[in-house]
């Protein structure tokens, strides 16, 4: 296997906890489960992007910045959902 694919494979494997969390939340917290699935898909998209970049520094930087923005943005939505639910304003 090409050595440039190890990092994308590791990144793709790191999406597994997001999918496991989504499965754990699926019954009681559908919105949170959906957000966690989106986080997992953003991480997998980042892994595909890193594989596409193939070690090119400018492409790699573009992919890393895009994934960081996507995952952190979704993380803010997760935090907002959790805080809203704690205050009792959440629906399901």
Protein backbone atom coordinates (compact mmCIF):
# COMPACT_ATOMS: atom_id res chain seq x y z
CA UNK A 1 0.00 0.00 0.00
CA UNK A 2 1.16 3.51 -0.80
CA UNK A 3 2.57 5.30 2.24
CA UNK A 4 0.56 8.44 1.42
CA UNK A 5 -2.67 6.58 2.21
CA UNK A 6 -1.88 5.80 5.84
CA UNK A 7 -2.90 9.23 7.13
CA UNK A 8 -6.25 9.27 5.27
CA UNK A 9 -6.98 5.76 6.58
CA UNK A 10 -6.24 6.85 10.14
CA UNK A 11 -8.44 9.93 9.71
CA UNK A 12 -11.26 7.80 8.30
CA UNK A 13 -10.96 5.40 11.24
CA UNK A 14 -11.23 8.36 13.64
CA UNK A 15 -14.78 8.95 12.39
CA UNK A 16 -15.93 5.72 14.03
CA UNK A 17 -16.59 7.31 17.48
CA UNK A 18 -18.89 9.88 15.87
CA UNK A 19 -20.93 7.13 14.21
CA UNK A 20 -21.04 5.12 17.45
CA UNK A 21 -22.24 8.19 19.35
CA UNK A 22 -24.89 8.76 16.69
CA UNK A 23 -26.11 5.22 17.12
CA UNK A 24 -26.22 5.62 20.91
CA UNK A 25 -28.26 8.84 20.61
CA UNK A 26 -30.54 7.63 17.81
CA UNK A 27 -33.46 6.57 19.99
CA UNK A 28 -33.69 9.44 22.47
CA UNK A 29 -32.00 12.38 20.74
CA UNK A 30 -32.64 12.22 17.00
CA UNK A 31 -31.30 15.71 16.28
CA UNK A 32 -28.06 15.04 18.13
CA UNK A 33 -27.71 11.69 16.37
CA UNK A 34 -28.09 13.41 13.00
CA UNK A 35 -25.46 15.99 13.91
CA UNK A 36 -23.04 13.26 15.00
CA UNK A 37 -23.59 11.42 11.71
CA UNK A 38 -22.79 14.65 9.88
CA UNK A 39 -19.59 15.01 11.92
CA UNK A 40 -18.61 11.46 10.95
CA UNK A 41 -19.32 12.14 7.29
CA UNK A 42 -17.29 15.37 7.42
CA UNK A 43 -14.34 13.43 8.82
CA UNK A 44 -14.66 10.78 6.11
CA UNK A 45 -14.88 13.52 3.47
CA UNK A 46 -11.68 14.93 4.93
CA UNK A 47 -9.99 11.55 4.64
CA UNK A 48 -11.04 11.34 0.99
CA UNK A 49 -9.75 14.87 0.48
CA UNK A 50 -6.40 14.00 2.04
CA UNK A 51 -6.11 10.98 -0.23
CA UNK A 52 -6.90 13.27 -3.18
CA UNK A 53 -4.30 15.79 -2.02
CA UNK A 54 -1.64 13.10 -2.23
CA UNK A 55 0.95 15.01 -0.25
CA UNK A 56 0.66 18.30 -2.17
CA UNK A 57 1.07 20.95 0.56
CA UNK A 58 -1.42 23.48 -0.80
CA UNK A 59 -4.13 20.85 -1.40
CA UNK A 60 -3.50 19.33 2.02
CA UNK A 61 -3.81 22.73 3.69
CA UNK A 62 -7.07 23.39 1.84
CA UNK A 63 -8.53 20.05 2.94
CA UNK A 64 -7.39 20.48 6.55
CA UNK A 65 -8.89 23.97 6.82
CA UNK A 66 -12.18 22.84 5.24
CA UNK A 67 -12.48 19.84 7.57
CA UNK A 68 -11.58 21.93 10.62
CA UNK A 69 -14.28 24.47 9.75
CA UNK A 70 -16.88 21.79 9.04
CA UNK A 71 -16.24 19.70 12.15
CA UNK A 72 -15.96 22.69 14.48
CA UNK A 73 -19.07 24.28 13.00
CA UNK A 74 -21.00 21.06 13.54
CA UNK A 75 -19.51 20.88 17.02
CA UNK A 76 -21.04 24.26 17.78
CA UNK A 77 -24.44 22.97 16.63
CA UNK A 78 -24.01 19.94 18.92
CA UNK A 79 -23.15 22.22 21.85
CA UNK A 80 -26.12 24.45 21.07
CA UNK A 81 -28.43 21.44 20.95
CA UNK A 82 -27.15 20.10 24.27
CA UNK A 83 -27.47 23.47 26.00
CA UNK A 84 -30.93 24.06 24.57
CA UNK A 85 -32.03 20.64 25.76
CA UNK A 86 -30.68 21.26 29.26
CA UNK A 87 -32.73 24.44 29.54
CA UNK A 88 -35.84 22.47 28.61
CA UNK A 89 -36.42 24.19 25.28
CA UNK A 90 -35.51 21.19 23.18
CA UNK A 91 -37.99 19.05 21.29
CA UNK A 92 -36.97 15.37 21.08
